[in-house]
């Protein structure tokens, strides 16, 4: 009998219950995984509180890594013993789980399970943000909110390697040091400094080409004011709460701006896109272009404490739960 974290009602971290679960044999097209590492993400909090509702009870978590222990009918390219990772599949907070075989990717030999679990959701998010949602290059000036967070540290390094001017926001002096060490050309402490004034200063009054915003309510509409005309606002999260409803004419008034609210699942919907996205991510990590900071680990049974620390913004980089 294996164990998992289950949620029977929405609420605070205390609703995360460590329970015995039964995991049967994989069905057609499925694999069974004995998990070794699970990534912690803010979407896990949204699921726990019911902001992103699921059918109760459920096992939360969206990314993990481990070893295939059994395969179902029709699965031909995966065998027991193969190390795999995944993202975007609810049910990660478990010692064992079943998952569709076409939703996992093989982990290269030069990537550890902990690193794979730490980067699948955050790293593939960074990939689509800077490689597809807005294609970053050497002429790009960008603003990345929460630059010392899990997605931010990956995306800022990656964007810097592409030649971009990277401006990152943080909430403390300590996080400013981390952001500067991970690709940020300039760092703004939004608790102490005027966001728009500093962006204008760093861009010589022009504004940035693109803002990547996972904060939500607290950075709107300030993010729009940091953009140059025809700039792009990418809202991909809402750590401080949802962006309030606004009249779309606001985009015209602030310089014919573009706005988008992307999600990872749409970018990896096909097997081809999933593999290509994961492989490009694995490549930049293996080469050292993007260095991964797993700064916190917790036993899976202590997921409640991990989520509490995440909500209190006490974590930096990536956090991994160990099964």
Foldseek 3Di string as FASTA:
>chain_A
DWWFFKAQDADALVRTDIDDDDADAEEAQKFKWQFFKAWDDVVQNCDRNCVVDDPPIFGAGFKTKGFTQHHYPPDDPHDGGFIKMAGRDGRRRIRMYMDRPLRIDGADPLADRHRRNFQHFLVLVLCCVCVPPPPAAQVFEEEEEPLQAANNLQNQLVNVVRNYAYEYEDQDPVSQVVSVVRRHPHYHNVVPDDVQVVLCVVVVNAAGQEYEAAQACVCPPVNLSRHGAQHEYEHAHHLPDHHDDDDPCVCVVSHVYHYDHDHSCVQPVDSVSSHVSVVVSSVCCSVVSRDADQPEEEASNVVSVVVVCVSVVVDGHIYMHGD
